[in-house]
mmCIF file of all heavy atoms, coordinates in Angstrom:
data_MODEL
# 
_entry.id   MODEL 
# 
loop_
_atom_site.group_PDB 
_atom_site.id 
_atom_site.type_symbol 
_atom_site.label_atom_id 
_atom_site.label_alt_id 
_atom_site.label_comp_id 
_atom_site.label_asym_id 
_atom_site.label_entity_id 
_atom_site.label_seq_id 
_atom_site.pdbx_PDB_ins_code 
_atom_site.Cartn_x 
_atom_site.Cartn_y 
_atom_site.Cartn_z 
_atom_site.occupancy 
_atom_site.B_iso_or_equiv 
_atom_site.pdbx_formal_charge 
_atom_site.auth_seq_id 
_atom_site.auth_comp_id 
_atom_site.auth_asym_id 
_atom_site.auth_atom_id 
_atom_site.pdbx_PDB_model_num 
ATOM 1   N N   . ASP A 1 1  ? 86.926  61.487 109.874 1.00 0.00 ? 1  ASP A N   1 
ATOM 2   C CA  . ASP A 1 1  ? 88.188  62.089 109.450 1.00 0.00 ? 1  ASP A CA  1 
ATOM 3   C C   . ASP A 1 1  ? 88.331  63.528 109.921 1.00 0.00 ? 1  ASP A C   1 
ATOM 4   O O   . ASP A 1 1  ? 89.452  64.004 110.142 1.00 0.00 ? 1  ASP A O   1 
ATOM 5   C CB  . ASP A 1 1  ? 88.330  62.003 107.930 1.00 0.00 ? 1  ASP A CB  1 
ATOM 6   C CG  . ASP A 1 1  ? 88.717  60.607 107.459 1.00 0.00 ? 1  ASP A CG  1 
ATOM 7   O OD1 . ASP A 1 1  ? 88.795  59.701 108.310 1.00 0.00 ? 1  ASP A OD1 1 
ATOM 8   O OD2 . ASP A 1 1  ? 88.941  60.415 106.251 1.00 0.00 ? 1  ASP A OD2 1 
ATOM 9   N N   . SER A 1 2  ? 87.214  64.240 110.076 1.00 0.00 ? 2  SER A N   1 
ATOM 10  C CA  . SER A 1 2  ? 87.319  65.599 110.623 1.00 0.00 ? 2  SER A CA  1 
ATOM 11  C C   . SER A 1 2  ? 87.877  65.547 112.038 1.00 0.00 ? 2  SER A C   1 
ATOM 12  O O   . SER A 1 2  ? 88.758  66.341 112.400 1.00 0.00 ? 2  SER A O   1 
ATOM 13  C CB  . SER A 1 2  ? 85.953  66.301 110.604 1.00 0.00 ? 2  SER A CB  1 
ATOM 14  O OG  . SER A 1 2  ? 85.063  65.768 111.574 1.00 0.00 ? 2  SER A OG  1 
ATOM 15  N N   . ALA A 1 3  ? 87.396  64.616 112.842 1.00 0.00 ? 3  ALA A N   1 
ATOM 16  C CA  . ALA A 1 3  ? 87.864  64.496 114.222 1.00 0.00 ? 3  ALA A CA  1 
ATOM 17  C C   . ALA A 1 3  ? 89.313  64.021 114.279 1.00 0.00 ? 3  ALA A C   1 
ATOM 18  O O   . ALA A 1 3  ? 90.115  64.543 115.069 1.00 0.00 ? 3  ALA A O   1 
ATOM 19  C CB  . ALA A 1 3  ? 86.958  63.547 114.999 1.00 0.00 ? 3  ALA A CB  1 
ATOM 20  N N   . ILE A 1 4  ? 89.650  63.041 113.455 1.00 0.00 ? 4  ILE A N   1 
ATOM 21  C CA  . ILE A 1 4  ? 91.023  62.523 113.456 1.00 0.00 ? 4  ILE A CA  1 
ATOM 22  C C   . ILE A 1 4  ? 92.009  63.601 113.039 1.00 0.00 ? 4  ILE A C   1 
ATOM 23  O O   . ILE A 1 4  ? 93.052  63.805 113.682 1.00 0.00 ? 4  ILE A O   1 
ATOM 24  C CB  . ILE A 1 4  ? 91.141  61.291 112.544 1.00 0.00 ? 4  ILE A CB  1 
ATOM 25  C CG1 . ILE A 1 4  ? 90.400  60.103 113.160 1.00 0.00 ? 4  ILE A CG1 1 
ATOM 26  C CG2 . ILE A 1 4  ? 92.609  60.928 112.305 1.00 0.00 ? 4  ILE A CG2 1 
ATOM 27  C CD1 . ILE A 1 4  ? 90.319  58.884 112.247 1.00 0.00 ? 4  ILE A CD1 1 
ATOM 28  N N   . ALA A 1 5  ? 91.699  64.328 111.963 1.00 0.00 ? 5  ALA A N   1 
ATOM 29  C CA  . ALA A 1 5  ? 92.634  65.334 111.456 1.00 0.00 ? 5  ALA A CA  1 
ATOM 30  C C   . ALA A 1 5  ? 92.768  66.505 112.426 1.00 0.00 ? 5  ALA A C   1 
ATOM 31  O O   . ALA A 1 5  ? 93.881  66.992 112.663 1.00 0.00 ? 5  ALA A O   1 
ATOM 32  C CB  . ALA A 1 5  ? 92.188  65.825 110.082 1.00 0.00 ? 5  ALA A CB  1 
ATOM 33  N N   . ILE A 1 6  ? 91.653  66.972 112.998 1.00 0.00 ? 6  ILE A N   1 
ATOM 34  C CA  . ILE A 1 6  ? 91.743  68.034 114.005 1.00 0.00 ? 6  ILE A CA  1 
ATOM 35  C C   . ILE A 1 6  ? 92.556  67.547 115.201 1.00 0.00 ? 6  ILE A C   1 
ATOM 36  O O   . ILE A 1 6  ? 93.425  68.248 115.716 1.00 0.00 ? 6  ILE A O   1 
ATOM 37  C CB  . ILE A 1 6  ? 90.339  68.491 114.442 1.00 0.00 ? 6  ILE A CB  1 
ATOM 38  C CG1 . ILE A 1 6  ? 89.649  69.245 113.302 1.00 0.00 ? 6  ILE A CG1 1 
ATOM 39  C CG2 . ILE A 1 6  ? 90.420  69.381 115.690 1.00 0.00 ? 6  ILE A CG2 1 
ATOM 40  C CD1 . ILE A 1 6  ? 88.177  69.528 113.557 1.00 0.00 ? 6  ILE A CD1 1 
ATOM 41  N N   . GLY A 1 7  ? 92.305  66.313 115.617 1.00 0.00 ? 7  GLY A N   1 
ATOM 42  C CA  . GLY A 1 7  ? 93.044  65.752 116.741 1.00 0.00 ? 7  GLY A CA  1 
ATOM 43  C C   . GLY A 1 7  ? 94.521  65.614 116.456 1.00 0.00 ? 7  GLY A C   1 
ATOM 44  O O   . GLY A 1 7  ? 95.372  65.926 117.307 1.00 0.00 ? 7  GLY A O   1 
ATOM 45  N N   . GLN A 1 8  ? 94.881  65.159 115.255 1.00 0.00 ? 8  GLN A N   1 
ATOM 46  C CA  . GLN A 1 8  ? 96.293  65.022 114.893 1.00 0.00 ? 8  GLN A CA  1 
ATOM 47  C C   . GLN A 1 8  ? 96.981  66.383 114.878 1.00 0.00 ? 8  GLN A C   1 
ATOM 48  O O   . GLN A 1 8  ? 98.136  66.507 115.307 1.00 0.00 ? 8  GLN A O   1 
ATOM 49  C CB  . GLN A 1 8  ? 96.422  64.341 113.533 1.00 0.00 ? 8  GLN A CB  1 
ATOM 50  C CG  . GLN A 1 8  ? 96.082  62.862 113.558 1.00 0.00 ? 8  GLN A CG  1 
ATOM 51  C CD  . GLN A 1 8  ? 96.114  62.232 112.177 1.00 0.00 ? 8  GLN A CD  1 
ATOM 52  O OE1 . GLN A 1 8  ? 95.889  62.900 111.163 1.00 0.00 ? 8  GLN A OE1 1 
ATOM 53  N NE2 . GLN A 1 8  ? 96.386  60.943 112.127 1.00 0.00 ? 8  GLN A NE2 1 
ATOM 54  N N   . CYS A 1 9  ? 96.282  67.394 114.403 1.00 0.00 ? 9  CYS A N   1 
ATOM 55  C CA  . CYS A 1 9  ? 96.851  68.747 114.420 1.00 0.00 ? 9  CYS A CA  1 
ATOM 56  C C   . CYS A 1 9  ? 97.061  69.232 115.857 1.00 0.00 ? 9  CYS A C   1 
ATOM 57  O O   . CYS A 1 9  ? 98.091  69.836 116.177 1.00 0.00 ? 9  CYS A O   1 
ATOM 58  C CB  . CYS A 1 9  ? 95.935  69.713 113.672 1.00 0.00 ? 9  CYS A CB  1 
ATOM 59  S SG  . CYS A 1 9  ? 96.194  69.759 111.882 1.00 0.00 ? 9  CYS A SG  1 
ATOM 60  N N   . ILE A 1 10 ? 96.081  68.990 116.714 1.00 0.00 ? 10 ILE A N   1 
ATOM 61  C CA  . ILE A 1 10 ? 96.208  69.422 118.105 1.00 0.00 ? 10 ILE A CA  1 
ATOM 62  C C   . ILE A 1 10 ? 97.411  68.755 118.772 1.00 0.00 ? 10 ILE A C   1 
ATOM 63  O O   . ILE A 1 10 ? 98.211  69.414 119.446 1.00 0.00 ? 10 ILE A O   1 
ATOM 64  C CB  . ILE A 1 10 ? 94.917  69.133 118.890 1.00 0.00 ? 10 ILE A CB  1 
ATOM 65  C CG1 . ILE A 1 10 ? 93.798  70.079 118.433 1.00 0.00 ? 10 ILE A CG1 1 
ATOM 66  C CG2 . ILE A 1 10 ? 95.144  69.269 120.400 1.00 0.00 ? 10 ILE A CG2 1 
ATOM 67  C CD1 . ILE A 1 10 ? 92.433  69.753 119.010 1.00 0.00 ? 10 ILE A CD1 1 
ATOM 68  N N   . VAL A 1 11 ? 97.562  67.453 118.573 1.00 0.00 ? 11 VAL A N   1 
ATOM 69  C CA  . VAL A 1 11 ? 98.664  66.762 119.244 1.00 0.00 ? 11 VAL A CA  1 
ATOM 70  C C   . VAL A 1 11 ? 100.009 67.201 118.675 1.00 0.00 ? 11 VAL A C   1 
ATOM 71  O O   . VAL A 1 11 ? 101.005 67.318 119.412 1.00 0.00 ? 11 VAL A O   1 
ATOM 72  C CB  . VAL A 1 11 ? 98.476  65.228 119.181 1.00 0.00 ? 11 VAL A CB  1 
ATOM 73  C CG1 . VAL A 1 11 ? 98.915  64.645 117.853 1.00 0.00 ? 11 VAL A CG1 1 
ATOM 74  C CG2 . VAL A 1 11 ? 99.211  64.542 120.323 1.00 0.00 ? 11 VAL A CG2 1 
ATOM 75  N N   . GLN A 1 12 ? 100.069 67.500 117.381 1.00 0.00 ? 12 GLN A N   1 
ATOM 76  C CA  . GLN A 1 12 ? 101.312 68.024 116.807 1.00 0.00 ? 12 GLN A CA  1 
ATOM 77  C C   . GLN A 1 12 ? 101.636 69.399 117.377 1.00 0.00 ? 12 GLN A C   1 
ATOM 78  O O   . GLN A 1 12 ? 102.786 69.698 117.715 1.00 0.00 ? 12 GLN A O   1 
ATOM 79  C CB  . GLN A 1 12 ? 101.193 68.106 115.287 1.00 0.00 ? 12 GLN A CB  1 
ATOM 80  C CG  . GLN A 1 12 ? 101.295 66.772 114.569 1.00 0.00 ? 12 GLN A CG  1 
ATOM 81  C CD  . GLN A 1 12 ? 101.284 66.928 113.060 1.00 0.00 ? 12 GLN A CD  1 
ATOM 82  O OE1 . GLN A 1 12 ? 101.647 67.967 112.527 1.00 0.00 ? 12 GLN A OE1 1 
ATOM 83  N NE2 . GLN A 1 12 ? 100.846 65.888 112.365 1.00 0.00 ? 12 GLN A NE2 1 
ATOM 84  N N   . ALA A 1 13 ? 100.600 70.247 117.482 1.00 0.00 ? 13 ALA A N   1 
ATOM 85  C CA  . ALA A 1 13 ? 100.811 71.598 118.000 1.00 0.00 ? 13 ALA A CA  1 
ATOM 86  C C   . ALA A 1 13 ? 101.216 71.576 119.478 1.00 0.00 ? 13 ALA A C   1 
ATOM 87  O O   . ALA A 1 13 ? 101.935 72.460 119.939 1.00 0.00 ? 13 ALA A O   1 
ATOM 88  C CB  . ALA A 1 13 ? 99.551  72.437 117.808 1.00 0.00 ? 13 ALA A CB  1 
ATOM 89  N N   . LEU A 1 14 ? 100.759 70.570 120.213 1.00 0.00 ? 14 LEU A N   1 
ATOM 90  C CA  . LEU A 1 14 ? 101.116 70.454 121.629 1.00 0.00 ? 14 LEU A CA  1 
ATOM 91  C C   . LEU A 1 14 ? 102.576 70.076 121.826 1.00 0.00 ? 14 LEU A C   1 
ATOM 92  O O   . LEU A 1 14 ? 103.156 70.340 122.885 1.00 0.00 ? 14 LEU A O   1 
ATOM 93  C CB  . LEU A 1 14 ? 100.229 69.416 122.322 1.00 0.00 ? 14 LEU A CB  1 
ATOM 94  C CG  . LEU A 1 14 ? 98.809  69.844 122.651 1.00 0.00 ? 14 LEU A CG  1 
ATOM 95  C CD1 . LEU A 1 14 ? 97.985  68.641 123.096 1.00 0.00 ? 14 LEU A CD1 1 
ATOM 96  C CD2 . LEU A 1 14 ? 98.794  70.925 123.722 1.00 0.00 ? 14 LEU A CD2 1 
ATOM 97  N N   . GLY A 1 15 ? 103.178 69.427 120.843 1.00 0.00 ? 15 GLY A N   1 
ATOM 98  C CA  . GLY A 1 15 ? 104.577 69.016 120.962 1.00 0.00 ? 15 GLY A CA  1 
ATOM 99  C C   . GLY A 1 15 ? 104.772 68.060 122.125 1.00 0.00 ? 15 GLY A C   1 
ATOM 100 O O   . GLY A 1 15 ? 104.047 67.070 122.261 1.00 0.00 ? 15 GLY A O   1 
ATOM 101 N N   . ASP A 1 16 ? 105.733 68.358 123.003 1.00 0.00 ? 16 ASP A N   1 
ATOM 102 C CA  . ASP A 1 16 ? 105.981 67.466 124.150 1.00 0.00 ? 16 ASP A CA  1 
ATOM 103 C C   . ASP A 1 16 ? 105.049 67.766 125.322 1.00 0.00 ? 16 ASP A C   1 
ATOM 104 O O   . ASP A 1 16 ? 105.177 67.187 126.392 1.00 0.00 ? 16 ASP A O   1 
ATOM 105 C CB  . ASP A 1 16 ? 107.441 67.538 124.592 1.00 0.00 ? 16 ASP A CB  1 
ATOM 106 C CG  . ASP A 1 16 ? 107.844 68.910 125.128 1.00 0.00 ? 16 ASP A CG  1 
ATOM 107 O OD1 . ASP A 1 16 ? 106.978 69.821 125.197 1.00 0.00 ? 16 ASP A OD1 1 
ATOM 108 O OD2 . ASP A 1 16 ? 109.031 69.090 125.470 1.00 0.00 ? 16 ASP A OD2 1 
ATOM 109 N N   . LYS A 1 17 ? 104.117 68.709 125.129 1.00 0.00 ? 17 LYS A N   1 
ATOM 110 C CA  . LYS A 1 17 ? 103.091 69.072 126.131 1.00 0.00 ? 17 LYS A CA  1 
ATOM 111 C C   . LYS A 1 17 ? 103.672 69.769 127.350 1.00 0.00 ? 17 LYS A C   1 
ATOM 112 O O   . LYS A 1 17 ? 103.013 69.869 128.392 1.00 0.00 ? 17 LYS A O   1 
ATOM 113 C CB  . LYS A 1 17 ? 102.270 67.842 126.544 1.00 0.00 ? 17 LYS A CB  1 
ATOM 114 C CG  . LYS A 1 17 ? 101.628 67.117 125.362 1.00 0.00 ? 17 LYS A CG  1 
ATOM 115 C CD  . LYS A 1 17 ? 100.844 65.900 125.810 1.00 0.00 ? 17 LYS A CD  1 
ATOM 116 C CE  . LYS A 1 17 ? 100.247 65.164 124.630 1.00 0.00 ? 17 LYS A CE  1 
ATOM 117 N NZ  . LYS A 1 17 ? 101.262 64.552 123.747 1.00 0.00 ? 17 LYS A NZ  1 
ATOM 118 N N   . ALA A 1 18 ? 104.878 70.258 127.225 1.00 0.00 ? 18 ALA A N   1 
ATOM 119 C CA  . ALA A 1 18 ? 105.516 70.955 128.351 1.00 0.00 ? 18 ALA A CA  1 
ATOM 120 C C   . ALA A 1 18 ? 104.717 72.195 128.728 1.00 0.00 ? 18 ALA A C   1 
ATOM 121 O O   . ALA A 1 18 ? 104.351 72.999 127.882 1.00 0.00 ? 18 ALA A O   1 
ATOM 122 C CB  . ALA A 1 18 ? 106.944 71.333 127.990 1.00 0.00 ? 18 ALA A CB  1 
ATOM 123 N N   . GLY A 1 19 ? 104.424 72.336 130.026 1.00 0.00 ? 19 GLY A N   1 
ATOM 124 C CA  . GLY A 1 19 ? 103.802 73.530 130.558 1.00 0.00 ? 19 GLY A CA  1 
ATOM 125 C C   . GLY A 1 19 ? 102.296 73.627 130.422 1.00 0.00 ? 19 GLY A C   1 
ATOM 126 O O   . GLY A 1 19 ? 101.698 74.600 130.873 1.00 0.00 ? 19 GLY A O   1 
ATOM 127 N N   . ILE A 1 20 ? 101.647 72.627 129.809 1.00 0.00 ? 20 ILE A N   1 
ATOM 128 C CA  . ILE A 1 20 ? 100.196 72.721 129.620 1.00 0.00 ? 20 ILE A CA  1 
ATOM 129 C C   . ILE A 1 20 ? 99.455  72.388 130.918 1.00 0.00 ? 20 ILE A C   1 
ATOM 130 O O   . ILE A 1 20 ? 99.991  71.744 131.819 1.00 0.00 ? 20 ILE A O   1 
ATOM 131 C CB  . ILE A 1 20 ? 99.689  71.801 128.493 1.00 0.00 ? 20 ILE A CB  1 
ATOM 132 C CG1 . ILE A 1 20 ? 99.878  70.313 128.843 1.00 0.00 ? 20 ILE A CG1 1 
ATOM 133 C CG2 . ILE A 1 20 ? 100.358 72.146 127.172 1.00 0.00 ? 20 ILE A CG2 1 
ATOM 134 C CD1 . ILE A 1 20 ? 99.147  69.358 127.887 1.00 0.00 ? 20 ILE A CD1 1 
ATOM 135 N N   . GLY A 1 21 ? 98.200  72.816 130.971 1.00 0.00 ? 21 GLY A N   1 
ATOM 136 C CA  . GLY A 1 21 ? 97.369  72.494 132.130 1.00 0.00 ? 21 GLY A CA  1 
ATOM 137 C C   . GLY A 1 21 ? 97.070  71.015 132.243 1.00 0.00 ? 21 GLY A C   1 
ATOM 138 O O   . GLY A 1 21 ? 96.894  70.482 133.328 1.00 0.00 ? 21 GLY A O   1 
ATOM 139 N N   . ARG A 1 22 ? 96.981  70.340 131.107 1.00 0.00 ? 22 ARG A N   1 
ATOM 140 C CA  . ARG A 1 22 ? 96.727  68.911 130.971 1.00 0.00 ? 22 ARG A CA  1 
ATOM 141 C C   . ARG A 1 22 ? 95.289  68.518 131.275 1.00 0.00 ? 22 ARG A C   1 
ATOM 142 O O   . ARG A 1 22 ? 94.675  67.786 130.512 1.00 0.00 ? 22 ARG A O   1 
ATOM 143 C CB  . ARG A 1 22 ? 97.672  68.088 131.846 1.00 0.00 ? 22 ARG A CB  1 
ATOM 144 C CG  . ARG A 1 22 ? 97.371  66.592 131.796 1.00 0.00 ? 22 ARG A CG  1 
ATOM 145 C CD  . ARG A 1 22 ? 98.365  65.762 132.561 1.00 0.00 ? 22 ARG A CD  1 
ATOM 146 N NE  . ARG A 1 22 ? 97.880  64.396 132.733 1.00 0.00 ? 22 ARG A NE  1 
ATOM 147 C CZ  . ARG A 1 22 ? 98.569  63.417 133.303 1.00 0.00 ? 22 ARG A CZ  1 
ATOM 148 N NH1 . ARG A 1 22 ? 99.791  63.643 133.760 1.00 0.00 ? 22 ARG A NH1 1 
ATOM 149 N NH2 . ARG A 1 22 ? 98.028  62.208 133.432 1.00 0.00 ? 22 ARG A NH2 1 
ATOM 150 N N   . TYR A 1 23 ? 94.717  68.987 132.367 1.00 0.00 ? 23 TYR A N   1 
ATOM 151 C CA  . TYR A 1 23 ? 93.357  68.619 132.766 1.00 0.00 ? 23 TYR A CA  1 
ATOM 152 C C   . TYR A 1 23 ? 92.376  69.744 132.438 1.00 0.00 ? 23 TYR A C   1 
ATOM 153 O O   . TYR A 1 23 ? 92.736  70.925 132.455 1.00 0.00 ? 23 TYR A O   1 
ATOM 154 C CB  . TYR A 1 23 ? 93.281  68.327 134.264 1.00 0.00 ? 23 TYR A CB  1 
ATOM 155 C CG  . TYR A 1 23 ? 94.112  67.156 134.707 1.00 0.00 ? 23 TYR A CG  1 
ATOM 156 C CD1 . TYR A 1 23 ? 95.406  67.355 135.186 1.00 0.00 ? 23 TYR A CD1 1 
ATOM 157 C CD2 . TYR A 1 23 ? 93.618  65.867 134.633 1.00 0.00 ? 23 TYR A CD2 1 
ATOM 158 C CE1 . TYR A 1 23 ? 96.184  66.282 135.587 1.00 0.00 ? 23 TYR A CE1 1 
ATOM 159 C CE2 . TYR A 1 23 ? 94.382  64.781 135.034 1.00 0.00 ? 23 TYR A CE2 1 
ATOM 160 C CZ  . TYR A 1 23 ? 95.671  64.994 135.509 1.00 0.00 ? 23 TYR A CZ  1 
ATOM 161 O OH  . TYR A 1 23 ? 96.439  63.930 135.906 1.00 0.00 ? 23 TYR A OH  1 
ATOM 162 N N   . GLY A 1 24 ? 91.136  69.367 132.167 1.00 0.00 ? 24 GLY A N   1 
ATOM 163 C CA  . GLY A 1 24 ? 90.101  70.360 131.951 1.00 0.00 ? 24 GLY A CA  1 
ATOM 164 C C   . GLY A 1 24 ? 88.743  69.808 132.321 1.00 0.00 ? 24 GLY A C   1 
ATOM 165 O O   . GLY A 1 24 ? 88.509  68.593 132.213 1.00 0.00 ? 24 GLY A O   1 
ATOM 166 N N   . GLU A 1 25 ? 87.867  70.676 132.773 1.00 0.00 ? 25 GLU A N   1 
ATOM 167 C CA  . GLU A 1 25 ? 86.507  70.240 133.079 1.00 0.00 ? 25 GLU A CA  1 
ATOM 168 C C   . GLU A 1 25 ? 85.571  71.427 132.923 1.00 0.00 ? 25 GLU A C   1 
ATOM 169 O O   . GLU A 1 25 ? 85.946  72.574 133.147 1.00 0.00 ? 25 GLU A O   1 
ATOM 170 C CB  . GLU A 1 25 ? 86.403  69.670 134.492 1.00 0.00 ? 25 GLU A CB  1 
ATOM 171 C CG  . GLU A 1 25 ? 86.799  70.626 135.599 1.00 0.00 ? 25 GLU A CG  1 
ATOM 172 C CD  . GLU A 1 25 ? 86.665  69.979 136.973 1.00 0.00 ? 25 GLU A CD  1 
ATOM 173 O OE1 . GLU A 1 25 ? 85.588  69.412 137.250 1.00 0.00 ? 25 GLU A OE1 1 
ATOM 174 O OE2 . GLU A 1 25 ? 87.625  70.047 137.762 1.00 0.00 ? 25 GLU A OE2 1 
ATOM 175 N N   . ALA A 1 26 ? 84.347  71.125 132.527 1.00 0.00 ? 26 ALA A N   1 
ATOM 176 C CA  . ALA A 1 26 ? 83.369  72.192 132.336 1.00 0.00 ? 26 ALA A CA  1 
ATOM 177 C C   . ALA A 1 26 ? 81.959  71.637 132.449 1.00 0.00 ? 26 ALA A C   1 
ATOM 178 O O   . ALA A 1 26 ? 81.666  70.544 131.956 1.00 0.00 ? 26 ALA A O   1 
ATOM 179 C CB  . ALA A 1 26 ? 83.555  72.850 130.969 1.00 0.00 ? 26 ALA A CB  1 
ATOM 180 N N   . HIS A 1 27 ? 81.105  72.383 133.127 1.00 0.00 ? 27 HIS A N   1 
ATOM 181 C CA  . HIS A 1 27 ? 79.666  72.196 133.034 1.00 0.00 ? 27 HIS A CA  1 
ATOM 182 C C   . HIS A 1 27 ? 79.163  73.200 131.996 1.00 0.00 ? 27 HIS A C   1 
ATOM 183 O O   . HIS A 1 27 ? 79.615  74.357 131.986 1.00 0.00 ? 27 HIS A O   1 
ATOM 184 C CB  . HIS A 1 27 ? 78.976  72.453 134.374 1.00 0.00 ? 27 HIS A CB  1 
ATOM 185 C CG  . HIS A 1 27 ? 79.134  71.342 135.349 1.00 0.00 ? 27 HIS A CG  1 
ATOM 186 N ND1 . HIS A 1 27 ? 80.280  71.188 136.116 1.00 0.00 ? 27 HIS A ND1 1 
ATOM 187 C CD2 . HIS A 1 27 ? 78.297  70.325 135.684 1.00 0.00 ? 27 HIS A CD2 1 
ATOM 188 C CE1 . HIS A 1 27 ? 80.139  70.121 136.883 1.00 0.00 ? 27 HIS A CE1 1 
ATOM 189 N NE2 . HIS A 1 27 ? 78.956  69.574 136.652 1.00 0.00 ? 27 HIS A NE2 1 
# 
C-alpha cells in the first residue's frame, strides 16, 4: 500500500504528463 499510494499520488500530480521528460535511466 505504501507503493500504491505513493504511485497514485505521483500519477495524479503528473496530470496529463504534458512537458515531462517521460524517460529516465541511472546507474
